Amino acid sequence: MRGKGRGRKRGWGRGRRAAWFIEPFLLLLLDQGAAHGYTLLDQLRELGLEQRNPSALYRSLRDMEALGYVTSTWDEEQTQGPPRRVYQLTPMGTETLQHHAHMLNETQALINHFLQLYQIQQQEKEKP
């Protein structure tokens, strides 16, 4: 298949994979405590989830707020300059984080199984 991102060895599907992980990682970060959007953006970068467009982060946070996973309030005292939103995990967000962790464990088991089969298959090909 040819098309955007297909058929290339480097970076194939990387953006989609990273986008899928934004929600679980945001929930995980907010499980540590409330945070501003820019703080979350920096933390995602440290975890290797580079957000090229900060507006995508804020869209994710708004979506998660609409779903009841997070709440936000305006921080008018702790900032220099205009007030900033502070995001905090809700009980529903904690449940969703637990669900993501469970699903990722299942996915990890499936990936490990695939890699074991792949390794066996490659070793069989190398036999004379």
Protein backbone atom coordinates (compact mmCIF):
# COMPACT_ATOMS: atom_id res chain seq x y z
CA MET A 1 0.00 0.00 0.00
CA ARG A 2 1.20 3.42 -0.81
CA GLY A 3 0.14 6.57 0.87
CA LYS A 4 1.06 8.93 3.61
CA GLY A 5 3.26 7.13 6.12
CA ARG A 6 2.91 3.72 4.47
CA GLY A 7 5.74 1.72 3.03
CA ARG A 8 8.40 3.63 4.89
CA LYS A 9 10.65 1.83 7.31
CA ARG A 10 11.25 4.76 9.63
CA GLY A 11 8.35 6.49 11.35
CA TRP A 12 5.61 4.28 9.94
CA GLY A 13 2.50 4.95 11.98
CA ARG A 14 4.48 6.70 14.69
CA GLY A 15 2.18 9.73 14.86
CA ARG A 16 -0.94 7.60 15.23
CA ARG A 17 0.67 5.45 17.93
CA ALA A 18 1.82 8.51 19.85
CA ALA A 19 -1.62 10.12 19.55
CA TRP A 20 -3.26 7.01 21.01
CA PHE A 21 -1.01 7.23 24.07
CA ILE A 22 -1.75 10.87 24.85
CA GLU A 23 -4.90 10.17 26.88
CA PRO A 24 -3.45 7.39 29.07
CA PHE A 25 -0.29 9.42 29.69
CA LEU A 26 -2.24 12.57 30.55
CA LEU A 27 -4.34 10.60 33.01
CA LEU A 28 -1.18 9.05 34.47
CA LEU A 29 0.45 12.47 34.86
CA LEU A 30 -2.66 13.98 36.43
CA ASP A 31 -2.83 11.02 38.82
CA GLN A 32 0.36 12.52 40.33
CA GLY A 33 -1.43 15.82 40.96
CA ALA A 34 -3.08 18.80 39.32
CA ALA A 35 -1.12 20.58 36.59
CA HIS A 36 -1.22 23.38 34.02
CA GLY A 37 -1.34 22.51 30.34
CA TYR A 38 2.21 23.68 29.66
CA THR A 39 3.49 21.59 32.56
CA LEU A 40 1.75 18.56 31.05
CA LEU A 41 3.20 19.40 27.64
CA ASP A 42 6.73 19.46 29.09
CA GLN A 43 6.15 16.20 30.96
CA LEU A 44 4.89 14.50 27.78
CA ARG A 45 8.04 15.64 25.98
CA GLU A 46 10.17 14.16 28.76
CA LEU A 47 8.33 10.86 28.27
CA GLY A 48 9.08 10.88 24.54
CA LEU A 49 5.60 11.96 23.42
CA GLU A 50 6.49 15.06 21.50
CA GLN A 51 3.43 17.17 20.79
CA ARG A 52 4.15 19.16 17.66
CA ASN A 53 0.96 21.12 18.07
CA PRO A 54 0.14 22.23 21.63
CA SER A 55 -3.47 22.84 20.58
CA ALA A 56 -3.85 19.04 20.21
CA LEU A 57 -2.99 18.68 23.90
CA TYR A 58 -5.61 21.22 24.88
CA ARG A 59 -8.16 19.55 22.61
CA SER A 60 -7.45 16.25 24.38
CA LEU A 61 -7.84 17.90 27.78
CA ARG A 62 -11.14 19.52 26.73
CA ASP A 63 -12.39 16.18 25.39
CA MET A 64 -11.40 14.44 28.63
CA GLU A 65 -13.15 17.18 30.61
CA ALA A 66 -16.33 16.71 28.53
CA LEU A 67 -16.16 12.96 29.28
CA GLY A 68 -15.76 13.67 33.01
CA TYR A 69 -12.20 12.33 33.31
CA VAL A 70 -10.72 15.68 34.40
CA THR A 71 -11.90 19.01 35.73
CA SER A 72 -10.27 22.38 35.27
CA THR A 73 -10.21 25.60 37.22
CA TRP A 74 -8.60 28.95 36.57
CA ASP A 75 -5.38 29.60 38.47
CA GLU A 76 -5.34 33.35 38.99
CA GLU A 77 -2.90 33.44 41.92
CA GLN A 78 0.04 31.18 41.00
CA THR A 79 0.83 32.59 37.57
CA GLN A 80 2.64 35.62 36.28
CA GLY A 81 0.53 37.05 33.53
CA PRO A 82 -2.93 35.89 32.54
CA PRO A 83 -4.69 33.13 34.50
CA ARG A 84 -4.07 29.57 33.36
CA ARG A 85 -6.21 26.47 33.62
CA VAL A 86 -5.24 23.83 36.13
CA TYR A 87 -6.37 20.29 35.30
CA GLN A 88 -7.20 17.69 37.93
CA LEU A 89 -8.14 14.02 37.70
CA THR A 90 -11.68 12.98 38.70
CA PRO A 91 -12.75 9.61 40.13
CA MET A 92 -14.01 8.69 36.64
CA GLY A 93 -10.57 9.65 35.28
CA THR A 94 -8.97 7.30 37.81
CA GLU A 95 -11.23 4.47 36.64
CA THR A 96 -10.36 5.26 33.02
CA LEU A 97 -6.65 5.22 33.89
CA GLN A 98 -7.08 1.78 35.45
CA HIS A 99 -8.91 0.60 32.32
CA HIS A 100 -6.10 1.91 30.09
CA ALA A 101 -3.53 0.10 32.27
CA HIS A 102 -5.50 -3.15 31.98
CA MET A 103 -5.86 -2.81 28.20
CA LEU A 104 -2.17 -1.98 27.81
CA ASN A 105 -1.23 -5.08 29.84
CA GLU A 106 -3.35 -7.20 27.49
CA THR A 107 -1.80 -5.49 24.47
CA GLN A 108 1.69 -6.03 25.87
CA ALA A 109 0.99 -9.76 26.25
CA LEU A 110 -0.22 -9.91 22.65
CA ILE A 111 2.84 -8.02 21.40
CA ASN A 112 5.16 -10.32 23.38
CA HIS A 113 3.44 -13.35 21.87
CA PHE A 114 3.82 -11.90 18.37
CA LEU A 115 7.51 -11.17 18.93
CA GLN A 116 8.17 -14.68 20.24
CA LEU A 117 6.50 -16.21 17.18
CA TYR A 118 8.38 -13.85 14.90
CA GLN A 119 11.71 -14.75 16.51
CA ILE A 120 11.01 -18.49 16.18
CA GLN A 121 10.02 -18.04 12.55
CA GLN A 122 13.20 -16.07 11.78
CA GLN A 123 15.35 -18.69 13.50
CA GLU A 124 13.68 -21.43 11.45
CA LYS A 125 14.47 -19.55 8.26
CA GLU A 126 18.15 -19.36 9.21
CA LYS A 127 18.47 -23.14 9.68
CA PRO A 128 20.13 -24.94 6.74
